[in-house]
Structures are given as structure tokens and as C-alpha cells.
Amino acid sequence: MPRLLSEFLIDESGATSIEYAIIAVGLSIVILTAVQLVGTNLSKHYEALATATTAK
């Protein structure tokens, strides 16, 4: 049993794919947050533009 545990702790065969998955999740969160913020700001600008053009 101790040998099996030590082999498990030494084995790094799946570590790279897990690291890439973590990086992909982090990038996805950053991209989604940026898109949401840009969308909100863009919506505010279009509302201001619509108000300015219909008020005159």
C-alpha cells in the first residue's frame, strides 16, 4: 500500500491536461466578464444616443 501511494504521488501524467483546463477556465471567466462589461457600457451609450436624437 505505501508503494502504491508513493507511485500515485510521483505520477504526473495527467497534470498537464489539468493545468490547461484551469487556464482555459480562467480565460473563459475573463472573456465573459469583459464581454458583459462592454455590453453594459455599450447599451448605456445607445440609450443616451436614442434619448438625444428623440428629444430634439
PDB file of N, CA and C in Angstrom:
ATOM      1  N   MET A   1       0.812  -1.205   0.000  1.00  0.00           N
ATOM      2  CA  MET A   1       0.000   0.000   0.000  1.00  0.00           C
ATOM      3  C   MET A   1       0.856   1.270   0.000  1.00  0.00           C
ATOM      4  N   PRO A   2       1.917   1.355   0.813  1.00  0.00           N
ATOM      5  CA  PRO A   2       2.753   2.558   0.759  1.00  0.00           C
ATOM      6  C   PRO A   2       3.400   2.757  -0.607  1.00  0.00           C
ATOM      7  N   ARG A   3       3.761   1.659  -1.286  1.00  0.00           N
ATOM      8  CA  ARG A   3       4.362   1.776  -2.612  1.00  0.00           C
ATOM      9  C   ARG A   3       3.351   2.352  -3.604  1.00  0.00           C
ATOM     10  N   LEU A   4       2.111   1.906  -3.521  1.00  0.00           N
ATOM     11  CA  LEU A   4       1.056   2.403  -4.403  1.00  0.00           C
ATOM     12  C   LEU A   4       0.821   3.896  -4.177  1.00  0.00           C
ATOM     13  N   LEU A   5       0.827   4.297  -2.921  1.00  0.00           N
ATOM     14  CA  LEU A   5       0.633   5.711  -2.599  1.00  0.00           C
ATOM     15  C   LEU A   5       1.796   6.557  -3.111  1.00  0.00           C
ATOM     16  N   SER A   6       3.014   6.075  -2.939  1.00  0.00           N
ATOM     17  CA  SER A   6       4.171   6.840  -3.414  1.00  0.00           C
ATOM     18  C   SER A   6       4.188   6.924  -4.939  1.00  0.00           C
ATOM     19  N   GLU A   7       3.791   5.867  -5.635  1.00  0.00           N
ATOM     20  CA  GLU A   7       3.708   5.910  -7.099  1.00  0.00           C
ATOM     21  C   GLU A   7       2.636   6.896  -7.553  1.00  0.00           C
ATOM     22  N   PHE A   8       1.528   6.930  -6.827  1.00  0.00           N
ATOM     23  CA  PHE A   8       0.451   7.865  -7.163  1.00  0.00           C
ATOM     24  C   PHE A   8       0.918   9.312  -7.003  1.00  0.00           C
ATOM     25  N   LEU A   9       1.664   9.591  -5.950  1.00  0.00           N
ATOM     26  CA  LEU A   9       2.132  10.956  -5.706  1.00  0.00           C
ATOM     27  C   LEU A   9       3.215  11.382  -6.695  1.00  0.00           C
ATOM     28  N   ILE A  10       3.983  10.435  -7.203  1.00  0.00           N
ATOM     29  CA  ILE A  10       5.056  10.744  -8.147  1.00  0.00           C
ATOM     30  C   ILE A  10       4.525  10.892  -9.574  1.00  0.00           C
ATOM     31  N   ASP A  11       3.478  10.169  -9.910  1.00  0.00           N
ATOM     32  CA  ASP A  11       2.945  10.157 -11.277  1.00  0.00           C
ATOM     33  C   ASP A  11       2.380  11.528 -11.644  1.00  0.00           C
ATOM     34  N   GLU A  12       2.852  12.084 -12.755  1.00  0.00           N
ATOM     35  CA  GLU A  12       2.394  13.399 -13.219  1.00  0.00           C
ATOM     36  C   GLU A  12       1.792  13.325 -14.615  1.00  0.00           C
ATOM     37  N   SER A  13       1.284  12.191 -15.011  1.00  0.00           N
ATOM     38  CA  SER A  13       0.814  12.017 -16.391  1.00  0.00           C
ATOM     39  C   SER A  13      -0.406  12.867 -16.725  1.00  0.00           C
ATOM     40  N   GLY A  14      -1.276  13.142 -15.788  1.00  0.00           N
ATOM     41  CA  GLY A  14      -2.470  13.936 -16.077  1.00  0.00           C
ATOM     42  C   GLY A  14      -2.369  15.380 -15.640  1.00  0.00           C
ATOM     43  N   ALA A  15      -1.228  15.771 -15.095  1.00  0.00           N
ATOM     44  CA  ALA A  15      -1.090  17.120 -14.547  1.00  0.00           C
ATOM     45  C   ALA A  15      -1.178  18.194 -15.628  1.00  0.00           C
ATOM     46  N   THR A  16      -0.608  17.945 -16.783  1.00  0.00           N
ATOM     47  CA  THR A  16      -0.599  18.959 -17.839  1.00  0.00           C
ATOM     48  C   THR A  16      -1.999  19.263 -18.346  1.00  0.00           C
ATOM     49  N   SER A  17      -2.796  18.235 -18.542  1.00  0.00           N
ATOM     50  CA  SER A  17      -4.156  18.472 -19.032  1.00  0.00           C
ATOM     51  C   SER A  17      -4.988  19.216 -17.997  1.00  0.00           C
ATOM     52  N   ILE A  18      -4.770  18.932 -16.731  1.00  0.00           N
ATOM     53  CA  ILE A  18      -5.494  19.650 -15.682  1.00  0.00           C
ATOM     54  C   ILE A  18      -5.060  21.114 -15.654  1.00  0.00           C
ATOM     55  N   GLU A  19      -3.771  21.350 -15.821  1.00  0.00           N
ATOM     56  CA  GLU A  19      -3.285  22.732 -15.846  1.00  0.00           C
ATOM     57  C   GLU A  19      -3.874  23.507 -17.028  1.00  0.00           C
ATOM     58  N   TYR A  20      -3.934  22.881 -18.188  1.00  0.00           N
ATOM     59  CA  TYR A  20      -4.540  23.539 -19.349  1.00  0.00           C
ATOM     60  C   TYR A  20      -6.029  23.801 -19.119  1.00  0.00           C
ATOM     61  N   ALA A  21      -6.702  22.888 -18.464  1.00  0.00           N
ATOM     62  CA  ALA A  21      -8.124  23.084 -18.174  1.00  0.00           C
ATOM     63  C   ALA A  21      -8.323  24.263 -17.229  1.00  0.00           C
ATOM     64  N   ILE A  22      -7.469  24.378 -16.228  1.00  0.00           N
ATOM     65  CA  ILE A  22      -7.567  25.501 -15.291  1.00  0.00           C
ATOM     66  C   ILE A  22      -7.300  26.823 -16.015  1.00  0.00           C
ATOM     67  N   ILE A  23      -6.320  26.844 -16.892  1.00  0.00           N
ATOM     68  CA  ILE A  23      -6.031  28.055 -17.670  1.00  0.00           C
ATOM     69  C   ILE A  23      -7.215  28.411 -18.568  1.00  0.00           C
ATOM     70  N   ALA A  24      -7.815  27.406 -19.203  1.00  0.00           N
ATOM     71  CA  ALA A  24      -8.964  27.648 -20.081  1.00  0.00           C
ATOM     72  C   ALA A  24     -10.145  28.208 -19.304  1.00  0.00           C
ATOM     73  N   VAL A  25     -10.390  27.691 -18.120  1.00  0.00           N
ATOM     74  CA  VAL A  25     -11.490  28.198 -17.292  1.00  0.00           C
ATOM     75  C   VAL A  25     -11.215  29.644 -16.885  1.00  0.00           C
ATOM     76  N   GLY A  26      -9.987  29.932 -16.492  1.00  0.00           N
ATOM     77  CA  GLY A  26      -9.637  31.302 -16.116  1.00  0.00           C
ATOM     78  C   GLY A  26      -9.815  32.278 -17.262  1.00  0.00           C
ATOM     79  N   LEU A  27      -9.355  31.893 -18.443  1.00  0.00           N
ATOM     80  CA  LEU A  27      -9.530  32.758 -19.617  1.00  0.00           C
ATOM     81  C   LEU A  27     -11.001  32.941 -19.970  1.00  0.00           C
ATOM     82  N   SER A  28     -11.782  31.892 -19.831  1.00  0.00           N
ATOM     83  CA  SER A  28     -13.217  31.990 -20.116  1.00  0.00           C
ATOM     84  C   SER A  28     -13.890  32.978 -19.178  1.00  0.00           C
ATOM     85  N   ILE A  29     -13.526  32.937 -17.914  1.00  0.00           N
ATOM     86  CA  ILE A  29     -14.110  33.868 -16.944  1.00  0.00           C
ATOM     87  C   ILE A  29     -13.732  35.304 -17.297  1.00  0.00           C
ATOM     88  N   VAL A  30     -12.481  35.528 -17.659  1.00  0.00           N
ATOM     89  CA  VAL A  30     -12.029  36.874 -18.027  1.00  0.00           C
ATOM     90  C   VAL A  30     -12.764  37.370 -19.270  1.00  0.00           C
ATOM     91  N   ILE A  31     -12.887  36.520 -20.272  1.00  0.00           N
ATOM     92  CA  ILE A  31     -13.559  36.917 -21.517  1.00  0.00           C
ATOM     93  C   ILE A  31     -15.034  37.209 -21.273  1.00  0.00           C
ATOM     94  N   LEU A  32     -15.707  36.353 -20.525  1.00  0.00           N
ATOM     95  CA  LEU A  32     -17.132  36.577 -20.255  1.00  0.00           C
ATOM     96  C   LEU A  32     -17.358  37.852 -19.454  1.00  0.00           C
ATOM     97  N   THR A  33     -16.493  38.121 -18.489  1.00  0.00           N
ATOM     98  CA  THR A  33     -16.617  39.350 -17.710  1.00  0.00           C
ATOM     99  C   THR A  33     -16.405  40.577 -18.592  1.00  0.00           C
ATOM    100  N   ALA A  34     -15.405  40.522 -19.459  1.00  0.00           N
ATOM    101  CA  ALA A  34     -15.138  41.654 -20.354  1.00  0.00           C
ATOM    102  C   ALA A  34     -16.300  41.891 -21.308  1.00  0.00           C
ATOM    103  N   VAL A  35     -16.849  40.839 -21.866  1.00  0.00           N
ATOM    104  CA  VAL A  35     -17.976  40.975 -22.794  1.00  0.00           C
ATOM    105  C   VAL A  35     -19.186  41.556 -22.078  1.00  0.00           C
ATOM    106  N   GLN A  36     -19.426  41.116 -20.855  1.00  0.00           N
ATOM    107  CA  GLN A  36     -20.563  41.630 -20.098  1.00  0.00           C
ATOM    108  C   GLN A  36     -20.382  43.120 -19.807  1.00  0.00           C
ATOM    109  N   LEU A  37     -19.193  43.522 -19.392  1.00  0.00           N
ATOM    110  CA  LEU A  37     -18.948  44.936 -19.096  1.00  0.00           C
ATOM    111  C   LEU A  37     -19.054  45.803 -20.345  1.00  0.00           C
ATOM    112  N   VAL A  38     -18.502  45.342 -21.443  1.00  0.00           N
ATOM    113  CA  VAL A  38     -18.589  46.099 -22.696  1.00  0.00           C
ATOM    114  C   VAL A  38     -20.041  46.196 -23.149  1.00  0.00           C
ATOM    115  N   GLY A  39     -20.786  45.119 -23.026  1.00  0.00           N
ATOM    116  CA  GLY A  39     -22.191  45.127 -23.422  1.00  0.00           C
ATOM    117  C   GLY A  39     -23.010  46.103 -22.606  1.00  0.00           C
ATOM    118  N   THR A  40     -22.761  46.146 -21.307  1.00  0.00           N
ATOM    119  CA  THR A  40     -23.488  47.070 -20.436  1.00  0.00           C
ATOM    120  C   THR A  40     -23.160  48.516 -20.793  1.00  0.00           C
ATOM    121  N   ASN A  41     -21.891  48.808 -20.974  1.00  0.00           N
ATOM    122  CA  ASN A  41     -21.497  50.179 -21.331  1.00  0.00           C
ATOM    123  C   ASN A  41     -22.009  50.574 -22.708  1.00  0.00           C
ATOM    124  N   LEU A  42     -21.974  49.661 -23.646  1.00  0.00           N
ATOM    125  CA  LEU A  42     -22.467  49.940 -24.990  1.00  0.00           C
ATOM    126  C   LEU A  42     -23.968  50.206 -24.968  1.00  0.00           C
ATOM    127  N   SER A  43     -24.687  49.461 -24.162  1.00  0.00           N
ATOM    128  CA  SER A  43     -26.127  49.665 -24.034  1.00  0.00           C
ATOM    129  C   SER A  43     -26.430  51.056 -23.479  1.00  0.00           C
ATOM    130  N   LYS A  44     -25.651  51.486 -22.499  1.00  0.00           N
ATOM    131  CA  LYS A  44     -25.855  52.825 -21.934  1.00  0.00           C
ATOM    132  C   LYS A  44     -25.596  53.910 -22.979  1.00  0.00           C
ATOM    133  N   HIS A  45     -24.585  53.726 -23.796  1.00  0.00           N
ATOM    134  CA  HIS A  45     -24.284  54.712 -24.833  1.00  0.00           C
ATOM    135  C   HIS A  45     -25.393  54.772 -25.882  1.00  0.00           C
ATOM    136  N   TYR A  46     -25.912  53.626 -26.279  1.00  0.00           N
ATOM    137  CA  TYR A  46     -27.002  53.614 -27.258  1.00  0.00           C
ATOM    138  C   TYR A  46     -28.273  54.230 -26.683  1.00  0.00           C
ATOM    139  N   GLU A  47     -28.543  54.003 -25.404  1.00  0.00           N
ATOM    140  CA  GLU A  47     -29.711  54.621 -24.775  1.00  0.00           C
ATOM    141  C   GLU A  47     -29.556  56.138 -24.737  1.00  0.00           C
ATOM    142  N   ALA A  48     -28.357  56.612 -24.420  1.00  0.00           N
ATOM    143  CA  ALA A  48     -28.109  58.058 -24.400  1.00  0.00           C
ATOM    144  C   ALA A  48     -28.242  58.649 -25.796  1.00  0.00           C
ATOM    145  N   LEU A  49     -27.747  57.937 -26.786  1.00  0.00           N
ATOM    146  CA  LEU A  49     -27.863  58.394 -28.167  1.00  0.00           C
ATOM    147  C   LEU A  49     -29.323  58.435 -28.611  1.00  0.00           C
ATOM    148  N   ALA A  50     -30.091  57.434 -28.254  1.00  0.00           N
ATOM    149  CA  ALA A  50     -31.507  57.397 -28.615  1.00  0.00           C
ATOM    150  C   ALA A  50     -32.270  58.518 -27.928  1.00  0.00           C
ATOM    151  N   THR A  51     -31.947  58.783 -26.683  1.00  0.00           N
ATOM    152  CA  THR A  51     -32.605  59.864 -25.955  1.00  0.00           C
ATOM    153  C   THR A  51     -32.254  61.216 -26.574  1.00  0.00           C
ATOM    154  N   ALA A  52     -31.012  61.387 -26.946  1.00  0.00           N
ATOM    155  CA  ALA A  52     -30.581  62.665 -27.526  1.00  0.00           C
ATOM    156  C   ALA A  52     -31.207  62.908 -28.889  1.00  0.00           C
ATOM    157  N   THR A  53     -31.387  61.865 -29.677  1.00  0.00           N
ATOM    158  CA  THR A  53     -31.941  62.063 -31.017  1.00  0.00           C
ATOM    159  C   THR A  53     -33.455  62.223 -30.995  1.00  0.00           C
ATOM    160  N   THR A  54     -34.137  61.628 -30.047  1.00  0.00           N
ATOM    161  CA  THR A  54     -35.596  61.752 -29.998  1.00  0.00           C
ATOM    162  C   THR A  54     -36.037  62.984 -29.233  1.00  0.00           C
ATOM    163  N   ALA A  55     -35.185  63.568 -28.427  1.00  0.00           N
ATOM    164  CA  ALA A  55     -35.567  64.727 -27.627  1.00  0.00           C
ATOM    165  C   ALA A  55     -35.628  65.998 -28.459  1.00  0.00           C
ATOM    166  N   LYS A  56     -34.955  66.038 -29.578  1.00  0.00           N
ATOM    167  CA  LYS A  56     -34.914  67.280 -30.371  1.00  0.00           C
ATOM    168  C   LYS A  56     -35.964  67.318 -31.399  1.00  0.00           C
TER     169      LYS A  56
END
